[in-house]
Amino acid sequence: MDFKPQNRRKFLMTGSAAGAGLVTGVSGLVSPARAAGLAPTPSMRGGSNNYRPGAPIVEKIGGGGFWMTGTVRRAGDGAALEGIRIQVWAHTTEGHERDVQSHGATLTQADGSFRLEMPQIVPAFGQPHGHLAYDDAGFETVFLRPVMKRASDTTLNADFVLQPA
């Protein structure tokens, strides 16, 4: 094992090993970044565009080839949430985001993760982007509209932190 010493400047720039701490004052003491816990994800502008309430849970949307992935956690304690319904829709090689066949939903696994295969996302209004929603009664509704770095990307990840209703 190769030991590389860390000086104070390097520690301040990179944070703690877990990435969850911050340095306070001049004492150099490390404390949790959020004393109140994990903050909820706010809805994004344009996230609800072409939303269809009650889109069915599906194995995949269309012919597939692209993966929408993410995790769902509870605000505050950050616990993974299982069985949470996440709806996905996008403008793809097989249809527009307003088309019924471009919508589907999936459920989260025990670790809070989800993945849903769908056709390749293509640019709409100049940007390749997806839409995701949590819209059930147990938590506050959240709409996301993440933008892909490149139109050629074959995955897009979006994480939710849900606030209990």
C-alpha atoms as a PDB file:
ATOM      1  CA  MET A   1       0.000   0.000   0.000  1.00  0.00           C
ATOM      2  CA  ASP A   2       1.342   3.406  -0.973  1.00  0.00           C
ATOM      3  CA  PHE A   3       0.938   6.100   1.695  1.00  0.00           C
ATOM      4  CA  LYS A   4       0.518   9.671   0.456  1.00  0.00           C
ATOM      5  CA  PRO A   5       0.482  12.313   3.174  1.00  0.00           C
ATOM      6  CA  GLN A   6      -2.283  14.927   2.995  1.00  0.00           C
ATOM      7  CA  ASN A   7      -1.599  18.499   3.983  1.00  0.00           C
ATOM      8  CA  ARG A   8      -4.265  20.891   5.285  1.00  0.00           C
ATOM      9  CA  ARG A   9      -4.775  22.560   1.890  1.00  0.00           C
ATOM     10  CA  LYS A  10      -5.378  19.211   0.123  1.00  0.00           C
ATOM     11  CA  PHE A  11      -7.801  18.153   2.882  1.00  0.00           C
ATOM     12  CA  LEU A  12      -9.770  21.409   2.603  1.00  0.00           C
ATOM     13  CA  MET A  13      -9.995  21.078  -1.198  1.00  0.00           C
ATOM     14  CA  THR A  14     -11.110  17.445  -1.257  1.00  0.00           C
ATOM     15  CA  GLY A  15     -13.170  17.236   1.934  1.00  0.00           C
ATOM     16  CA  SER A  16     -13.427  14.118   4.047  1.00  0.00           C
ATOM     17  CA  ALA A  17     -12.972  10.643   2.596  1.00  0.00           C
ATOM     18  CA  ALA A  18     -16.728  10.068   2.635  1.00  0.00           C
ATOM     19  CA  GLY A  19     -17.372  13.466   1.084  1.00  0.00           C
ATOM     20  CA  ALA A  20     -19.882  14.302   3.827  1.00  0.00           C
ATOM     21  CA  GLY A  21     -17.913  16.652   6.039  1.00  0.00           C
ATOM     22  CA  LEU A  22     -16.824  20.233   6.098  1.00  0.00           C
ATOM     23  CA  VAL A  23     -14.320  22.195   8.107  1.00  0.00           C
ATOM     24  CA  THR A  24     -15.720  24.732  10.538  1.00  0.00           C
ATOM     25  CA  GLY A  25     -13.983  27.869  11.795  1.00  0.00           C
ATOM     26  CA  VAL A  26     -10.246  27.925  12.359  1.00  0.00           C
ATOM     27  CA  SER A  27     -10.341  24.957  14.719  1.00  0.00           C
ATOM     28  CA  GLY A  28     -10.200  22.461  11.853  1.00  0.00           C
ATOM     29  CA  LEU A  29     -12.937  20.335  13.413  1.00  0.00           C
ATOM     30  CA  VAL A  30     -14.992  18.234  11.003  1.00  0.00           C
ATOM     31  CA  SER A  31     -18.775  18.223  11.351  1.00  0.00           C
ATOM     32  CA  PRO A  32     -21.628  16.866   9.226  1.00  0.00           C
ATOM     33  CA  ALA A  33     -22.382  18.980   6.153  1.00  0.00           C
ATOM     34  CA  ARG A  34     -26.097  19.090   6.997  1.00  0.00           C
ATOM     35  CA  ALA A  35     -26.961  18.851  10.660  1.00  0.00           C
ATOM     36  CA  ALA A  36     -30.660  18.578   9.768  1.00  0.00           C
ATOM     37  CA  GLY A  37     -30.028  15.676   7.367  1.00  0.00           C
ATOM     38  CA  LEU A  38     -30.481  15.181   3.648  1.00  0.00           C
ATOM     39  CA  ALA A  39     -32.447  17.990   1.966  1.00  0.00           C
ATOM     40  CA  PRO A  40     -35.350  17.123  -0.375  1.00  0.00           C
ATOM     41  CA  THR A  41     -34.930  17.411  -4.150  1.00  0.00           C
ATOM     42  CA  PRO A  42     -36.763  20.438  -5.539  1.00  0.00           C
ATOM     43  CA  SER A  43     -38.877  20.093  -8.688  1.00  0.00           C
ATOM     44  CA  MET A  44     -37.171  21.394 -11.810  1.00  0.00           C
ATOM     45  CA  ARG A  45     -38.632  23.946 -14.180  1.00  0.00           C
ATOM     46  CA  GLY A  46     -40.029  22.156 -17.239  1.00  0.00           C
ATOM     47  CA  GLY A  47     -39.942  18.789 -15.490  1.00  0.00           C
ATOM     48  CA  SER A  48     -43.705  18.320 -15.655  1.00  0.00           C
ATOM     49  CA  ASN A  49     -43.972  19.098 -19.403  1.00  0.00           C
ATOM     50  CA  ASN A  50     -46.067  16.400 -21.121  1.00  0.00           C
ATOM     51  CA  TYR A  51     -46.576  14.518 -17.840  1.00  0.00           C
ATOM     52  CA  ARG A  52     -49.222  11.760 -17.991  1.00  0.00           C
ATOM     53  CA  PRO A  53     -50.660  10.800 -14.583  1.00  0.00           C
ATOM     54  CA  GLY A  54     -50.804   7.064 -14.019  1.00  0.00           C
ATOM     55  CA  ALA A  55     -48.388   5.916 -16.741  1.00  0.00           C
ATOM     56  CA  PRO A  56     -48.205   2.109 -16.489  1.00  0.00           C
ATOM     57  CA  ILE A  57     -45.363   0.199 -14.846  1.00  0.00           C
ATOM     58  CA  VAL A  58     -43.434  -1.413 -17.715  1.00  0.00           C
ATOM     59  CA  GLU A  59     -40.440  -3.703 -18.220  1.00  0.00           C
ATOM     60  CA  LYS A  60     -39.085  -1.287 -20.831  1.00  0.00           C
ATOM     61  CA  ILE A  61     -40.268   1.522 -23.084  1.00  0.00           C
ATOM     62  CA  GLY A  62     -40.198   0.708 -26.796  1.00  0.00           C
ATOM     63  CA  GLY A  63     -37.209  -1.072 -28.301  1.00  0.00           C
ATOM     64  CA  GLY A  64     -34.768   0.030 -25.606  1.00  0.00           C
ATOM     65  CA  GLY A  65     -31.047   0.678 -25.970  1.00  0.00           C
ATOM     66  CA  PHE A  66     -30.874   3.610 -23.504  1.00  0.00           C
ATOM     67  CA  TRP A  67     -30.946   3.380 -19.682  1.00  0.00           C
ATOM     68  CA  MET A  68     -32.574   5.852 -17.297  1.00  0.00           C
ATOM     69  CA  THR A  69     -31.168   5.179 -13.805  1.00  0.00           C
ATOM     70  CA  GLY A  70     -31.194   6.697 -10.346  1.00  0.00           C
ATOM     71  CA  THR A  71     -31.863   6.310  -6.663  1.00  0.00           C
ATOM     72  CA  VAL A  72     -34.640   7.380  -4.323  1.00  0.00           C
ATOM     73  CA  ARG A  73     -33.967   8.333  -0.700  1.00  0.00           C
ATOM     74  CA  ARG A  74     -36.016   9.851   2.110  1.00  0.00           C
ATOM     75  CA  ALA A  75     -35.248  13.446   3.111  1.00  0.00           C
ATOM     76  CA  GLY A  76     -33.728  13.788   6.553  1.00  0.00           C
ATOM     77  CA  ASP A  77     -32.214  10.392   7.271  1.00  0.00           C
ATOM     78  CA  GLY A  78     -31.349   9.474   3.655  1.00  0.00           C
ATOM     79  CA  ALA A  79     -32.873   5.989   3.940  1.00  0.00           C
ATOM     80  CA  ALA A  80     -33.243   4.090   0.668  1.00  0.00           C
ATOM     81  CA  LEU A  81     -36.894   3.800  -0.387  1.00  0.00           C
ATOM     82  CA  GLU A  82     -38.139   0.526  -1.875  1.00  0.00           C
ATOM     83  CA  GLY A  83     -41.245   0.155  -4.038  1.00  0.00           C
ATOM     84  CA  ILE A  84     -41.382   3.825  -5.058  1.00  0.00           C
ATOM     85  CA  ARG A  85     -43.008   4.436  -8.455  1.00  0.00           C
ATOM     86  CA  ILE A  86     -40.903   6.608 -10.772  1.00  0.00           C
ATOM     87  CA  GLN A  87     -42.362   7.710 -14.098  1.00  0.00           C
ATOM     88  CA  VAL A  88     -40.028   8.295 -17.070  1.00  0.00           C
ATOM     89  CA  TRP A  89     -40.679   9.951 -20.438  1.00  0.00           C
ATOM     90  CA  ALA A  90     -38.605  11.638 -23.142  1.00  0.00           C
ATOM     91  CA  HIS A  91     -38.292  12.605 -26.783  1.00  0.00           C
ATOM     92  CA  THR A  92     -36.675   9.496 -28.293  1.00  0.00           C
ATOM     93  CA  THR A  93     -35.850   7.868 -31.604  1.00  0.00           C
ATOM     94  CA  GLU A  94     -39.288   6.206 -31.380  1.00  0.00           C
ATOM     95  CA  GLY A  95     -41.531   9.108 -30.374  1.00  0.00           C
ATOM     96  CA  HIS A  96     -42.036  12.521 -28.874  1.00  0.00           C
ATOM     97  CA  GLU A  97     -42.324  13.125 -25.131  1.00  0.00           C
ATOM     98  CA  ARG A  98     -46.031  13.890 -25.549  1.00  0.00           C
ATOM     99  CA  ASP A  99     -46.717  10.432 -27.102  1.00  0.00           C
ATOM    100  CA  VAL A 100     -48.276   7.716 -24.917  1.00  0.00           C
ATOM    101  CA  GLN A 101     -45.675   5.148 -26.074  1.00  0.00           C
ATOM    102  CA  SER A 102     -42.859   7.411 -24.783  1.00  0.00           C
ATOM    103  CA  HIS A 103     -44.060   7.108 -21.144  1.00  0.00           C
ATOM    104  CA  GLY A 104     -43.611   4.347 -18.594  1.00  0.00           C
ATOM    105  CA  ALA A 105     -42.947   3.787 -14.905  1.00  0.00           C
ATOM    106  CA  THR A 106     -40.781   1.510 -12.779  1.00  0.00           C
ATOM    107  CA  LEU A 107     -40.427   0.664  -9.074  1.00  0.00           C
ATOM    108  CA  THR A 108     -37.352   1.118  -6.909  1.00  0.00           C
ATOM    109  CA  GLN A 109     -35.415  -1.857  -5.511  1.00  0.00           C
ATOM    110  CA  ALA A 110     -34.565  -2.470  -1.814  1.00  0.00           C
ATOM    111  CA  ASP A 111     -31.469  -0.241  -2.125  1.00  0.00           C
ATOM    112  CA  GLY A 112     -33.566   2.610  -3.568  1.00  0.00           C
ATOM    113  CA  SER A 113     -32.195   2.178  -7.084  1.00  0.00           C
ATOM    114  CA  PHE A 114     -34.210   2.118 -10.288  1.00  0.00           C
ATOM    115  CA  ARG A 115     -33.439   1.563 -13.951  1.00  0.00           C
ATOM    116  CA  LEU A 116     -35.666   1.574 -16.962  1.00  0.00           C
ATOM    117  CA  GLU A 117     -34.619   0.796 -20.512  1.00  0.00           C
ATOM    118  CA  MET A 118     -36.033   2.987 -23.253  1.00  0.00           C
ATOM    119  CA  PRO A 119     -35.202   4.130 -26.806  1.00  0.00           C
ATOM    120  CA  GLN A 120     -32.288   6.534 -27.313  1.00  0.00           C
ATOM    121  CA  ILE A 121     -33.085  10.065 -26.143  1.00  0.00           C
ATOM    122  CA  VAL A 122     -32.678  12.687 -28.874  1.00  0.00           C
ATOM    123  CA  PRO A 123     -32.539  16.486 -28.614  1.00  0.00           C
ATOM    124  CA  ALA A 124     -35.791  18.387 -28.217  1.00  0.00           C
ATOM    125  CA  PHE A 125     -35.623  22.181 -28.179  1.00  0.00           C
ATOM    126  CA  GLY A 126     -31.853  21.854 -28.747  1.00  0.00           C
ATOM    127  CA  GLN A 127     -31.148  19.686 -25.679  1.00  0.00           C
ATOM    128  CA  PRO A 128     -31.182  15.929 -25.160  1.00  0.00           C
ATOM    129  CA  HIS A 129     -33.052  15.508 -21.866  1.00  0.00           C
ATOM    130  CA  GLY A 130     -35.315  13.178 -19.972  1.00  0.00           C
ATOM    131  CA  HIS A 131     -38.258  13.679 -17.654  1.00  0.00           C
ATOM    132  CA  LEU A 132     -38.839  11.806 -14.410  1.00  0.00           C
ATOM    133  CA  ALA A 133     -41.527  12.146 -11.768  1.00  0.00           C
ATOM    134  CA  TYR A 134     -42.488  10.895  -8.367  1.00  0.00           C
ATOM    135  CA  ASP A 135     -46.229  11.461  -8.012  1.00  0.00           C
ATOM    136  CA  ASP A 136     -47.753   9.228  -5.339  1.00  0.00           C
ATOM    137  CA  ALA A 137     -49.381  10.227  -2.043  1.00  0.00           C
ATOM    138  CA  GLY A 138     -46.678   9.260   0.491  1.00  0.00           C
ATOM    139  CA  PHE A 139     -44.236  12.025  -0.408  1.00  0.00           C
ATOM    140  CA  GLU A 140     -44.307  15.472  -2.014  1.00  0.00           C
ATOM    141  CA  THR A 141     -44.423  15.409  -5.839  1.00  0.00           C
ATOM    142  CA  VAL A 142     -41.099  15.966  -7.628  1.00  0.00           C
ATOM    143  CA  PHE A 143     -40.557  16.502 -11.366  1.00  0.00           C
ATOM    144  CA  LEU A 144     -37.034  16.339 -12.807  1.00  0.00           C
ATOM    145  CA  ARG A 145     -35.692  17.332 -16.232  1.00  0.00           C
ATOM    146  CA  PRO A 146     -32.012  16.323 -16.355  1.00  0.00           C
ATOM    147  CA  VAL A 147     -30.049  17.315 -19.462  1.00  0.00           C
ATOM    148  CA  MET A 148     -27.550  14.917 -21.024  1.00  0.00           C
ATOM    149  CA  LYS A 149     -23.949  16.013 -21.572  1.00  0.00           C
ATOM    150  CA  ARG A 150     -23.951  14.613 -25.120  1.00  0.00           C
ATOM    151  CA  ALA A 151     -26.718  13.386 -27.433  1.00  0.00           C
ATOM    152  CA  SER A 152     -24.665  10.200 -27.929  1.00  0.00           C
ATOM    153  CA  ASP A 153     -24.814   9.240 -24.209  1.00  0.00           C
ATOM    154  CA  THR A 154     -26.672   5.966 -23.616  1.00  0.00           C
ATOM    155  CA  THR A 155     -27.505   6.526 -19.934  1.00  0.00           C
ATOM    156  CA  LEU A 156     -28.930   9.326 -17.847  1.00  0.00           C
ATOM    157  CA  ASN A 157     -28.970   9.274 -14.049  1.00  0.00           C
ATOM    158  CA  ALA A 158     -31.394  11.192 -11.824  1.00  0.00           C
ATOM    159  CA  ASP A 159     -31.546  10.914  -8.033  1.00  0.00           C
ATOM    160  CA  PHE A 160     -34.548  11.802  -5.877  1.00  0.00           C
ATOM    161  CA  VAL A 161     -34.620  12.776  -2.204  1.00  0.00           C
ATOM    162  CA  LEU A 162     -38.296  12.759  -1.240  1.00  0.00           C
ATOM    163  CA  GLN A 163     -39.972  14.786   1.488  1.00  0.00           C
ATOM    164  CA  PRO A 164     -42.727  12.900   3.336  1.00  0.00           C
ATOM    165  CA  ALA A 165     -46.144  14.434   2.623  1.00  0.00           C
END
